[in-house]
Amino acid sequence: WHTTIGDRPNHSLVLDVAGADIPDGIADRLASQGFVPMAPAATAL
């Protein structure tokens, strides 16, 4: 369950992807973090 609140002009890329398409190790790490710092490589992509 999740709730999104925008309080100023904002734009986000939103990527929907099947959980089965994410490697288990990466899915577990991302899920445990929830909020993820953007590494330089990710920012460029």
ModelCIF file with pLDDT and N, C-alpha, C, O atoms, coordinates in Angstrom:
data_MODEL
#
_entry.id   MODEL 
#
_entity.id                         1 
_entity.type                       polymer 
_entity.pdbx_number_of_molecules   1 
#
_entity_poly.entity_id                      1 
_entity_poly.type                           'polypeptide(L)' 
_entity_poly.nstd_linkage                   no 
_entity_poly.nstd_monomer                   no 
_entity_poly.pdbx_seq_one_letter_code       WHTTIGDRPNHSLVLDVAGADIPDGIADRLASQGFVPMAPAATAL 
_entity_poly.pdbx_seq_one_letter_code_can   WHTTIGDRPNHSLVLDVAGADIPDGIADRLASQGFVPMAPAATAL 
_entity_poly.pdbx_strand_id                 A 
#
loop_
_entity_poly_seq.entity_id 
_entity_poly_seq.num 
_entity_poly_seq.mon_id 
_entity_poly_seq.hetero 
1 1  TRP n 
1 2  HIS n 
1 3  THR n 
1 4  THR n 
1 5  ILE n 
1 6  GLY n 
1 7  ASP n 
1 8  ARG n 
1 9  PRO n 
1 10 ASN n 
1 11 HIS n 
1 12 SER n 
1 13 LEU n 
1 14 VAL n 
1 15 LEU n 
1 16 ASP n 
1 17 VAL n 
1 18 ALA n 
1 19 GLY n 
1 20 ALA n 
1 21 ASP n 
1 22 ILE n 
1 23 PRO n 
1 24 ASP n 
1 25 GLY n 
1 26 ILE n 
1 27 ALA n 
1 28 ASP n 
1 29 ARG n 
1 30 LEU n 
1 31 ALA n 
1 32 SER n 
1 33 GLN n 
1 34 GLY n 
1 35 PHE n 
1 36 VAL n 
1 37 PRO n 
1 38 MET n 
1 39 ALA n 
1 40 PRO n 
1 41 ALA n 
1 42 ALA n 
1 43 THR n 
1 44 ALA n 
1 45 LEU n 
#
_struct_asym.id          A 
_struct_asym.entity_id   1 
#
loop_
_ma_qa_metric.id 
_ma_qa_metric.mode 
_ma_qa_metric.name 
_ma_qa_metric.software_group_id 
_ma_qa_metric.type 
1 global pLDDT . pLDDT 
2 local  pLDDT . pLDDT 
#
_ma_qa_metric_global.metric_id      1 
_ma_qa_metric_global.metric_value   84.96 
_ma_qa_metric_global.model_id       1 
_ma_qa_metric_global.ordinal_id     1 
#
loop_
_ma_qa_metric_local.label_asym_id 
_ma_qa_metric_local.label_comp_id 
_ma_qa_metric_local.label_seq_id 
_ma_qa_metric_local.metric_id 
_ma_qa_metric_local.metric_value 
_ma_qa_metric_local.model_id 
_ma_qa_metric_local.ordinal_id 
A TRP 1  2 91.00 1 1  
A HIS 2  2 92.00 1 2  
A THR 3  2 91.00 1 3  
A THR 4  2 90.00 1 4  
A ILE 5  2 87.00 1 5  
A GLY 6  2 82.00 1 6  
A ASP 7  2 72.00 1 7  
A ARG 8  2 70.00 1 8  
A PRO 9  2 78.00 1 9  
A ASN 10 2 83.00 1 10 
A HIS 11 2 85.00 1 11 
A SER 12 2 89.00 1 12 
A LEU 13 2 89.00 1 13 
A VAL 14 2 92.00 1 14 
A LEU 15 2 91.00 1 15 
A ASP 16 2 91.00 1 16 
A VAL 17 2 90.00 1 17 
A ALA 18 2 88.00 1 18 
A GLY 19 2 83.00 1 19 
A ALA 20 2 83.00 1 20 
A ASP 21 2 83.00 1 21 
A ILE 22 2 87.00 1 22 
A PRO 23 2 85.00 1 23 
A ASP 24 2 81.00 1 24 
A GLY 25 2 84.00 1 25 
A ILE 26 2 87.00 1 26 
A ALA 27 2 87.00 1 27 
A ASP 28 2 87.00 1 28 
A ARG 29 2 86.00 1 29 
A LEU 30 2 89.00 1 30 
A ALA 31 2 88.00 1 31 
A SER 32 2 86.00 1 32 
A GLN 33 2 85.00 1 33 
A GLY 34 2 89.00 1 34 
A PHE 35 2 89.00 1 35 
A VAL 36 2 88.00 1 36 
A PRO 37 2 85.00 1 37 
A MET 38 2 82.00 1 38 
A ALA 39 2 76.00 1 39 
A PRO 40 2 75.00 1 40 
A ALA 41 2 77.00 1 41 
A ALA 42 2 82.00 1 42 
A THR 43 2 83.00 1 43 
A ALA 44 2 82.00 1 44 
A LEU 45 2 83.00 1 45 
#
loop_
_atom_site.group_PDB 
_atom_site.id 
_atom_site.type_symbol 
_atom_site.label_atom_id 
_atom_site.label_alt_id 
_atom_site.label_comp_id 
_atom_site.label_asym_id 
_atom_site.label_entity_id 
_atom_site.label_seq_id 
_atom_site.pdbx_PDB_ins_code 
_atom_site.Cartn_x 
_atom_site.Cartn_y 
_atom_site.Cartn_z 
_atom_site.occupancy 
_atom_site.B_iso_or_equiv 
_atom_site.pdbx_formal_charge 
_atom_site.auth_seq_id 
_atom_site.auth_comp_id 
_atom_site.auth_asym_id 
_atom_site.auth_atom_id 
_atom_site.pdbx_PDB_model_num 
ATOM 1   N N  . TRP A 1 1  ? 0.856  -1.181  0.000   1.00 91.00 ? 1  TRP A N  1 
ATOM 2   C CA . TRP A 1 1  ? 0.000  0.000   0.000   1.00 91.00 ? 1  TRP A CA 1 
ATOM 3   C C  . TRP A 1 1  ? 0.896  1.236   0.000   1.00 91.00 ? 1  TRP A C  1 
ATOM 4   O O  . TRP A 1 1  ? 1.890  1.283   0.724   1.00 91.00 ? 1  TRP A O  1 
ATOM 5   N N  . HIS A 1 2  ? 0.550  2.226   -0.802  1.00 92.00 ? 2  HIS A N  1 
ATOM 6   C CA . HIS A 1 2  ? 1.373  3.423   -0.865  1.00 92.00 ? 2  HIS A CA 1 
ATOM 7   C C  . HIS A 1 2  ? 0.532  4.651   -1.195  1.00 92.00 ? 2  HIS A C  1 
ATOM 8   O O  . HIS A 1 2  ? -0.493 4.563   -1.871  1.00 92.00 ? 2  HIS A O  1 
ATOM 9   N N  . THR A 1 3  ? 0.989  5.792   -0.703  1.00 91.00 ? 3  THR A N  1 
ATOM 10  C CA . THR A 1 3  ? 0.306  7.062   -0.909  1.00 91.00 ? 3  THR A CA 1 
ATOM 11  C C  . THR A 1 3  ? 1.318  8.091   -1.392  1.00 91.00 ? 3  THR A C  1 
ATOM 12  O O  . THR A 1 3  ? 2.395  8.227   -0.811  1.00 91.00 ? 3  THR A O  1 
ATOM 13  N N  . THR A 1 4  ? 0.979  8.814   -2.450  1.00 90.00 ? 4  THR A N  1 
ATOM 14  C CA . THR A 1 4  ? 1.870  9.824   -3.012  1.00 90.00 ? 4  THR A CA 1 
ATOM 15  C C  . THR A 1 4  ? 1.262  11.205  -2.813  1.00 90.00 ? 4  THR A C  1 
ATOM 16  O O  . THR A 1 4  ? 0.079  11.418  -3.083  1.00 90.00 ? 4  THR A O  1 
ATOM 17  N N  . ILE A 1 5  ? 2.084  12.148  -2.334  1.00 87.00 ? 5  ILE A N  1 
ATOM 18  C CA . ILE A 1 5  ? 1.618  13.508  -2.082  1.00 87.00 ? 5  ILE A CA 1 
ATOM 19  C C  . ILE A 1 5  ? 2.582  14.486  -2.751  1.00 87.00 ? 5  ILE A C  1 
ATOM 20  O O  . ILE A 1 5  ? 3.773  14.502  -2.440  1.00 87.00 ? 5  ILE A O  1 
ATOM 21  N N  . GLY A 1 6  ? 2.068  15.295  -3.665  1.00 82.00 ? 6  GLY A N  1 
ATOM 22  C CA . GLY A 1 6  ? 2.871  16.326  -4.303  1.00 82.00 ? 6  GLY A CA 1 
ATOM 23  C C  . GLY A 1 6  ? 2.418  17.691  -3.822  1.00 82.00 ? 6  GLY A C  1 
ATOM 24  O O  . GLY A 1 6  ? 1.228  18.001  -3.874  1.00 82.00 ? 6  GLY A O  1 
ATOM 25  N N  . ASP A 1 7  ? 3.348  18.514  -3.353  1.00 72.00 ? 7  ASP A N  1 
ATOM 26  C CA . ASP A 1 7  ? 2.959  19.810  -2.802  1.00 72.00 ? 7  ASP A CA 1 
ATOM 27  C C  . ASP A 1 7  ? 3.577  20.976  -3.560  1.00 72.00 ? 7  ASP A C  1 
ATOM 28  O O  . ASP A 1 7  ? 3.520  22.114  -3.093  1.00 72.00 ? 7  ASP A O  1 
ATOM 29  N N  . ARG A 1 8  ? 4.169  20.709  -4.729  1.00 70.00 ? 8  ARG A N  1 
ATOM 30  C CA . ARG A 1 8  ? 4.756  21.771  -5.554  1.00 70.00 ? 8  ARG A CA 1 
ATOM 31  C C  . ARG A 1 8  ? 4.898  21.206  -6.963  1.00 70.00 ? 8  ARG A C  1 
ATOM 32  O O  . ARG A 1 8  ? 4.744  19.998  -7.140  1.00 70.00 ? 8  ARG A O  1 
ATOM 33  N N  . PRO A 1 9  ? 5.181  22.018  -7.964  1.00 78.00 ? 9  PRO A N  1 
ATOM 34  C CA . PRO A 1 9  ? 5.363  21.457  -9.311  1.00 78.00 ? 9  PRO A CA 1 
ATOM 35  C C  . PRO A 1 9  ? 6.407  20.342  -9.299  1.00 78.00 ? 9  PRO A C  1 
ATOM 36  O O  . PRO A 1 9  ? 7.510  20.535  -8.789  1.00 78.00 ? 9  PRO A O  1 
ATOM 37  N N  . ASN A 1 10 ? 6.076  19.200  -9.846  1.00 83.00 ? 10 ASN A N  1 
ATOM 38  C CA . ASN A 1 10 ? 6.992  18.061  -9.827  1.00 83.00 ? 10 ASN A CA 1 
ATOM 39  C C  . ASN A 1 10 ? 6.719  17.172  -11.023 1.00 83.00 ? 10 ASN A C  1 
ATOM 40  O O  . ASN A 1 10 ? 5.597  17.105  -11.524 1.00 83.00 ? 10 ASN A O  1 
ATOM 41  N N  . HIS A 1 11 ? 7.768  16.486  -11.476 1.00 85.00 ? 11 HIS A N  1 
ATOM 42  C CA . HIS A 1 11 ? 7.634  15.468  -12.510 1.00 85.00 ? 11 HIS A CA 1 
ATOM 43  C C  . HIS A 1 11 ? 8.524  14.287  -12.121 1.00 85.00 ? 11 HIS A C  1 
ATOM 44  O O  . HIS A 1 11 ? 9.649  14.465  -11.654 1.00 85.00 ? 11 HIS A O  1 
ATOM 45  N N  . SER A 1 12 ? 7.998  13.087  -12.324 1.00 89.00 ? 12 SER A N  1 
ATOM 46  C CA . SER A 1 12 ? 8.757  11.880  -12.024 1.00 89.00 ? 12 SER A CA 1 
ATOM 47  C C  . SER A 1 12 ? 8.585  10.868  -13.142 1.00 89.00 ? 12 SER A C  1 
ATOM 48  O O  . SER A 1 12 ? 7.501  10.717  -13.705 1.00 89.00 ? 12 SER A O  1 
ATOM 49  N N  . LEU A 1 13 ? 9.673  10.179  -13.453 1.00 89.00 ? 13 LEU A N  1 
ATOM 50  C CA . LEU A 1 13 ? 9.547  8.994   -14.290 1.00 89.00 ? 13 LEU A CA 1 
ATOM 51  C C  . LEU A 1 13 ? 9.040  7.871   -13.398 1.00 89.00 ? 13 LEU A C  1 
ATOM 52  O O  . LEU A 1 13 ? 9.584  7.640   -12.318 1.00 89.00 ? 13 LEU A O  1 
ATOM 53  N N  . VAL A 1 14 ? 8.006  7.176   -13.841 1.00 92.00 ? 14 VAL A N  1 
ATOM 54  C CA . VAL A 1 14 ? 7.448  6.062   -13.073 1.00 92.00 ? 14 VAL A CA 1 
ATOM 55  C C  . VAL A 1 14 ? 7.581  4.801   -13.914 1.00 92.00 ? 14 VAL A C  1 
ATOM 56  O O  . VAL A 1 14 ? 7.051  4.715   -15.022 1.00 92.00 ? 14 VAL A O  1 
ATOM 57  N N  . LEU A 1 15 ? 8.291  3.835   -13.372 1.00 91.00 ? 15 LEU A N  1 
ATOM 58  C CA . LEU A 1 15 ? 8.538  2.578   -14.076 1.00 91.00 ? 15 LEU A CA 1 
ATOM 59  C C  . LEU A 1 15 ? 7.751  1.462   -13.409 1.00 91.00 ? 15 LEU A C  1 
ATOM 60  O O  . LEU A 1 15 ? 7.973  1.162   -12.236 1.00 91.00 ? 15 LEU A O  1 
ATOM 61  N N  . ASP A 1 16 ? 6.836  0.846   -14.145 1.00 91.00 ? 16 ASP A N  1 
ATOM 62  C CA . ASP A 1 16 ? 6.097  -0.319  -13.678 1.00 91.00 ? 16 ASP A CA 1 
ATOM 63  C C  . ASP A 1 16 ? 6.744  -1.560  -14.277 1.00 91.00 ? 16 ASP A C  1 
ATOM 64  O O  . ASP A 1 16 ? 6.939  -1.645  -15.489 1.00 91.00 ? 16 ASP A O  1 
ATOM 65  N N  . VAL A 1 17 ? 7.077  -2.525  -13.418 1.00 90.00 ? 17 VAL A N  1 
ATOM 66  C CA . VAL A 1 17 ? 7.751  -3.730  -13.894 1.00 90.00 ? 17 VAL A CA 1 
ATOM 67  C C  . VAL A 1 17 ? 7.324  -4.917  -13.038 1.00 90.00 ? 17 VAL A C  1 
ATOM 68  O O  . VAL A 1 17 ? 7.175  -4.790  -11.822 1.00 90.00 ? 17 VAL A O  1 
ATOM 69  N N  . ALA A 1 18 ? 7.129  -6.068  -13.671 1.00 88.00 ? 18 ALA A N  1 
ATOM 70  C CA . ALA A 1 18 ? 6.736  -7.272  -12.939 1.00 88.00 ? 18 ALA A CA 1 
ATOM 71  C C  . ALA A 1 18 ? 7.811  -7.651  -11.927 1.00 88.00 ? 18 ALA A C  1 
ATOM 72  O O  . ALA A 1 18 ? 9.001  -7.639  -12.239 1.00 88.00 ? 18 ALA A O  1 
ATOM 73  N N  . GLY A 1 19 ? 7.383  -7.986  -10.714 1.00 83.00 ? 19 GLY A N  1 
ATOM 74  C CA . GLY A 1 19 ? 8.341  -8.371  -9.685  1.00 83.00 ? 19 GLY A CA 1 
ATOM 75  C C  . GLY A 1 19 ? 9.218  -9.530  -10.111 1.00 83.00 ? 19 GLY A C  1 
ATOM 76  O O  . GLY A 1 19 ? 10.385 -9.608  -9.730  1.00 83.00 ? 19 GLY A O  1 
ATOM 77  N N  . ALA A 1 20 ? 8.651  -10.437 -10.908 1.00 83.00 ? 20 ALA A N  1 
ATOM 78  C CA . ALA A 1 20 ? 9.417  -11.603 -11.361 1.00 83.00 ? 20 ALA A CA 1 
ATOM 79  C C  . ALA A 1 20 ? 10.563 -11.218 -12.290 1.00 83.00 ? 20 ALA A C  1 
ATOM 80  O O  . ALA A 1 20 ? 11.485 -12.007 -12.491 1.00 83.00 ? 20 ALA A O  1 
ATOM 81  N N  . ASP A 1 21 ? 10.515 -10.017 -12.855 1.00 83.00 ? 21 ASP A N  1 
ATOM 82  C CA . ASP A 1 21 ? 11.562 -9.572  -13.775 1.00 83.00 ? 21 ASP A CA 1 
ATOM 83  C C  . ASP A 1 21 ? 12.729 -8.905  -13.053 1.00 83.00 ? 21 ASP A C  1 
ATOM 84  O O  . ASP A 1 21 ? 13.702 -8.498  -13.688 1.00 83.00 ? 21 ASP A O  1 
ATOM 85  N N  . ILE A 1 22 ? 12.634 -8.793  -11.731 1.00 87.00 ? 22 ILE A N  1 
ATOM 86  C CA . ILE A 1 22 ? 13.708 -8.180  -10.947 1.00 87.00 ? 22 ILE A CA 1 
ATOM 87  C C  . ILE A 1 22 ? 14.463 -9.284  -10.220 1.00 87.00 ? 22 ILE A C  1 
ATOM 88  O O  . ILE A 1 22 ? 13.839 -10.058 -9.493  1.00 87.00 ? 22 ILE A O  1 
ATOM 89  N N  . PRO A 1 23 ? 15.780 -9.392  -10.385 1.00 85.00 ? 23 PRO A N  1 
ATOM 90  C CA . PRO A 1 23 ? 16.546 -10.428 -9.672  1.00 85.00 ? 23 PRO A CA 1 
ATOM 91  C C  . PRO A 1 23 ? 16.285 -10.361 -8.171  1.00 85.00 ? 23 PRO A C  1 
ATOM 92  O O  . PRO A 1 23 ? 16.163 -9.280  -7.595  1.00 85.00 ? 23 PRO A O  1 
ATOM 93  N N  . ASP A 1 24 ? 16.202 -11.543 -7.545  1.00 81.00 ? 24 ASP A N  1 
ATOM 94  C CA . ASP A 1 24 ? 15.820 -11.609 -6.132  1.00 81.00 ? 24 ASP A CA 1 
ATOM 95  C C  . ASP A 1 24 ? 16.701 -10.744 -5.241  1.00 81.00 ? 24 ASP A C  1 
ATOM 96  O O  . ASP A 1 24 ? 16.193 -10.028 -4.378  1.00 81.00 ? 24 ASP A O  1 
ATOM 97  N N  . GLY A 1 25 ? 18.007 -10.801 -5.439  1.00 84.00 ? 25 GLY A N  1 
ATOM 98  C CA . GLY A 1 25 ? 18.897 -10.038 -4.575  1.00 84.00 ? 25 GLY A CA 1 
ATOM 99  C C  . GLY A 1 25 ? 18.644 -8.542  -4.670  1.00 84.00 ? 25 GLY A C  1 
ATOM 100 O O  . GLY A 1 25 ? 18.642 -7.839  -3.659  1.00 84.00 ? 25 GLY A O  1 
ATOM 101 N N  . ILE A 1 26 ? 18.430 -8.062  -5.884  1.00 87.00 ? 26 ILE A N  1 
ATOM 102 C CA . ILE A 1 26 ? 18.178 -6.638  -6.082  1.00 87.00 ? 26 ILE A CA 1 
ATOM 103 C C  . ILE A 1 26 ? 16.810 -6.262  -5.522  1.00 87.00 ? 26 ILE A C  1 
ATOM 104 O O  . ILE A 1 26 ? 16.671 -5.227  -4.871  1.00 87.00 ? 26 ILE A O  1 
ATOM 105 N N  . ALA A 1 27 ? 15.791 -7.102  -5.770  1.00 87.00 ? 27 ALA A N  1 
ATOM 106 C CA . ALA A 1 27 ? 14.449 -6.821  -5.253  1.00 87.00 ? 27 ALA A CA 1 
ATOM 107 C C  . ALA A 1 27 ? 14.458 -6.741  -3.734  1.00 87.00 ? 27 ALA A C  1 
ATOM 108 O O  . ALA A 1 27 ? 13.837 -5.851  -3.153  1.00 87.00 ? 27 ALA A O  1 
ATOM 109 N N  . ASP A 1 28 ? 15.159 -7.667  -3.089  1.00 87.00 ? 28 ASP A N  1 
ATOM 110 C CA . ASP A 1 28 ? 15.206 -7.673  -1.620  1.00 87.00 ? 28 ASP A CA 1 
ATOM 111 C C  . ASP A 1 28 ? 15.891 -6.421  -1.087  1.00 87.00 ? 28 ASP A C  1 
ATOM 112 O O  . ASP A 1 28 ? 15.444 -5.820  -0.110  1.00 87.00 ? 28 ASP A O  1 
ATOM 113 N N  . ARG A 1 29 ? 16.979 -6.038  -1.742  1.00 86.00 ? 29 ARG A N  1 
ATOM 114 C CA . ARG A 1 29 ? 17.707 -4.854  -1.275  1.00 86.00 ? 29 ARG A CA 1 
ATOM 115 C C  . ARG A 1 29 ? 16.885 -3.593  -1.460  1.00 86.00 ? 29 ARG A C  1 
ATOM 116 O O  . ARG A 1 29 ? 16.817 -2.756  -0.560  1.00 86.00 ? 29 ARG A O  1 
ATOM 117 N N  . LEU A 1 30 ? 16.253 -3.450  -2.632  1.00 89.00 ? 30 LEU A N  1 
ATOM 118 C CA . LEU A 1 30 ? 15.438 -2.268  -2.871  1.00 89.00 ? 30 LEU A CA 1 
ATOM 119 C C  . LEU A 1 30 ? 14.246 -2.215  -1.927  1.00 89.00 ? 30 LEU A C  1 
ATOM 120 O O  . LEU A 1 30 ? 13.906 -1.151  -1.409  1.00 89.00 ? 30 LEU A O  1 
ATOM 121 N N  . ALA A 1 31 ? 13.606 -3.366  -1.701  1.00 88.00 ? 31 ALA A N  1 
ATOM 122 C CA . ALA A 1 31 ? 12.448 -3.398  -0.811  1.00 88.00 ? 31 ALA A CA 1 
ATOM 123 C C  . ALA A 1 31 ? 12.834 -3.052  0.615   1.00 88.00 ? 31 ALA A C  1 
ATOM 124 O O  . ALA A 1 31 ? 12.079 -2.378  1.315   1.00 88.00 ? 31 ALA A O  1 
ATOM 125 N N  . SER A 1 32 ? 14.009 -3.508  1.056   1.00 86.00 ? 32 SER A N  1 
ATOM 126 C CA . SER A 1 32 ? 14.436 -3.213  2.426   1.00 86.00 ? 32 SER A CA 1 
ATOM 127 C C  . SER A 1 32 ? 14.760 -1.736  2.603   1.00 86.00 ? 32 SER A C  1 
ATOM 128 O O  . SER A 1 32 ? 14.568 -1.179  3.684   1.00 86.00 ? 32 SER A O  1 
ATOM 129 N N  . GLN A 1 33 ? 15.252 -1.098  1.538   1.00 85.00 ? 33 GLN A N  1 
ATOM 130 C CA . GLN A 1 33 ? 15.568 0.321   1.612   1.00 85.00 ? 33 GLN A CA 1 
ATOM 131 C C  . GLN A 1 33 ? 14.326 1.181   1.420   1.00 85.00 ? 33 GLN A C  1 
ATOM 132 O O  . GLN A 1 33 ? 14.101 2.127   2.173   1.00 85.00 ? 33 GLN A O  1 
ATOM 133 N N  . GLY A 1 34 ? 13.532 0.858   0.427   1.00 89.00 ? 34 GLY A N  1 
ATOM 134 C CA . GLY A 1 34 ? 12.354 1.663   0.134   1.00 89.00 ? 34 GLY A CA 1 
ATOM 135 C C  . GLY A 1 34 ? 12.714 2.952   -0.569  1.00 89.00 ? 34 GLY A C  1 
ATOM 136 O O  . GLY A 1 34 ? 12.259 3.213   -1.683  1.00 89.00 ? 34 GLY A O  1 
ATOM 137 N N  . PHE A 1 35 ? 13.535 3.761   0.089   1.00 89.00 ? 35 PHE A N  1 
ATOM 138 C CA . PHE A 1 35 ? 13.969 5.039   -0.455  1.00 89.00 ? 35 PHE A CA 1 
ATOM 139 C C  . PHE A 1 35 ? 15.455 4.933   -0.773  1.00 89.00 ? 35 PHE A C  1 
ATOM 140 O O  . PHE A 1 35 ? 16.270 4.645   0.104   1.00 89.00 ? 35 PHE A O  1 
ATOM 141 N N  . VAL A 1 36 ? 15.800 5.169   -2.045  1.00 88.00 ? 36 VAL A N  1 
ATOM 142 C CA . VAL A 1 36 ? 17.109 4.787   -2.553  1.00 88.00 ? 36 VAL A CA 1 
ATOM 143 C C  . VAL A 1 36 ? 17.899 6.001   -3.048  1.00 88.00 ? 36 VAL A C  1 
ATOM 144 O O  . VAL A 1 36 ? 17.421 6.724   -3.923  1.00 88.00 ? 36 VAL A O  1 
ATOM 145 N N  . PRO A 1 37 ? 19.104 6.240   -2.502  1.00 85.00 ? 37 PRO A N  1 
ATOM 146 C CA . PRO A 1 37 ? 19.949 7.324   -3.038  1.00 85.00 ? 37 PRO A CA 1 
ATOM 147 C C  . PRO A 1 37 ? 20.279 7.057   -4.499  1.00 85.00 ? 37 PRO A C  1 
ATOM 148 O O  . PRO A 1 37 ? 20.531 5.916   -4.884  1.00 85.00 ? 37 PRO A O  1 
ATOM 149 N N  . MET A 1 38 ? 20.278 8.090   -5.299  1.00 82.00 ? 38 MET A N  1 
ATOM 150 C CA . MET A 1 38 ? 20.559 7.948   -6.717  1.00 82.00 ? 38 MET A CA 1 
ATOM 151 C C  . MET A 1 38 ? 22.065 7.948   -6.958  1.00 82.00 ? 38 MET A C  1 
ATOM 152 O O  . MET A 1 38 ? 22.729 8.973   -6.803  1.00 82.00 ? 38 MET A O  1 
ATOM 153 N N  . ALA A 1 39 ? 22.591 6.794   -7.335  1.00 76.00 ? 39 ALA A N  1 
ATOM 154 C CA . ALA A 1 39 ? 23.995 6.698   -7.700  1.00 76.00 ? 39 ALA A CA 1 
ATOM 155 C C  . ALA A 1 39 ? 24.218 7.422   -9.026  1.00 76.00 ? 39 ALA A C  1 
ATOM 156 O O  . ALA A 1 39 ? 23.273 7.580   -9.799  1.00 76.00 ? 39 ALA A O  1 
ATOM 157 N N  . PRO A 1 40 ? 25.453 7.867   -9.309  1.00 75.00 ? 40 PRO A N  1 
ATOM 158 C CA . PRO A 1 40 ? 25.711 8.592   -10.562 1.00 75.00 ? 40 PRO A CA 1 
ATOM 159 C C  . PRO A 1 40 ? 25.263 7.840   -11.811 1.00 75.00 ? 40 PRO A C  1 
ATOM 160 O O  . PRO A 1 40 ? 24.714 8.443   -12.734 1.00 75.00 ? 40 PRO A O  1 
ATOM 161 N N  . ALA A 1 41 ? 25.493 6.529   -11.846 1.00 77.00 ? 41 ALA A N  1 
ATOM 162 C CA . ALA A 1 41 ? 25.089 5.759   -13.025 1.00 77.00 ? 41 ALA A CA 1 
ATOM 163 C C  . ALA A 1 41 ? 23.575 5.779   -13.200 1.00 77.00 ? 41 ALA A C  1 
ATOM 164 O O  . ALA A 1 41 ? 23.079 5.891   -14.321 1.00 77.00 ? 41 ALA A O  1 
ATOM 165 N N  . ALA A 1 42 ? 22.836 5.669   -12.092 1.00 82.00 ? 42 ALA A N  1 
ATOM 166 C CA . ALA A 1 42 ? 21.376 5.701   -12.162 1.00 82.00 ? 42 ALA A CA 1 
ATOM 167 C C  . ALA A 1 42 ? 20.884 7.069   -12.606 1.00 82.00 ? 42 ALA A C  1 
ATOM 168 O O  . ALA A 1 42 ? 19.950 7.170   -13.401 1.00 82.00 ? 42 ALA A O  1 
ATOM 169 N N  . THR A 1 43 ? 21.512 8.120   -12.093 1.00 83.00 ? 43 THR A N  1 
ATOM 170 C CA . THR A 1 43 ? 21.117 9.478   -12.470 1.00 83.00 ? 43 THR A CA 1 
ATOM 171 C C  . THR A 1 43 ? 21.277 9.692   -13.972 1.00 83.00 ? 43 THR A C  1 
ATOM 172 O O  . THR A 1 43 ? 20.412 10.290  -14.613 1.00 83.00 ? 43 THR A O  1 
ATOM 173 N N  . ALA A 1 44 ? 22.378 9.207   -14.529 1.00 82.00 ? 44 ALA A N  1 
ATOM 174 C CA . ALA A 1 44 ? 22.619 9.358   -15.964 1.00 82.00 ? 44 ALA A CA 1 
ATOM 175 C C  . ALA A 1 44 ? 21.573 8.594   -16.776 1.00 82.00 ? 44 ALA A C  1 
ATOM 176 O O  . ALA A 1 44 ? 21.087 9.099   -17.788 1.00 82.00 ? 44 ALA A O  1 
ATOM 177 N N  . LEU A 1 45 ? 21.227 7.392   -16.347 1.00 83.00 ? 45 LEU A N  1 
ATOM 178 C CA . LEU A 1 45 ? 20.224 6.599   -17.053 1.00 83.00 ? 45 LEU A CA 1 
ATOM 179 C C  . LEU A 1 45 ? 18.850 7.263   -17.001 1.00 83.00 ? 45 LEU A C  1 
ATOM 180 O O  . LEU A 1 45 ? 17.885 6.728   -17.547 1.00 83.00 ? 45 LEU A O  1 
#
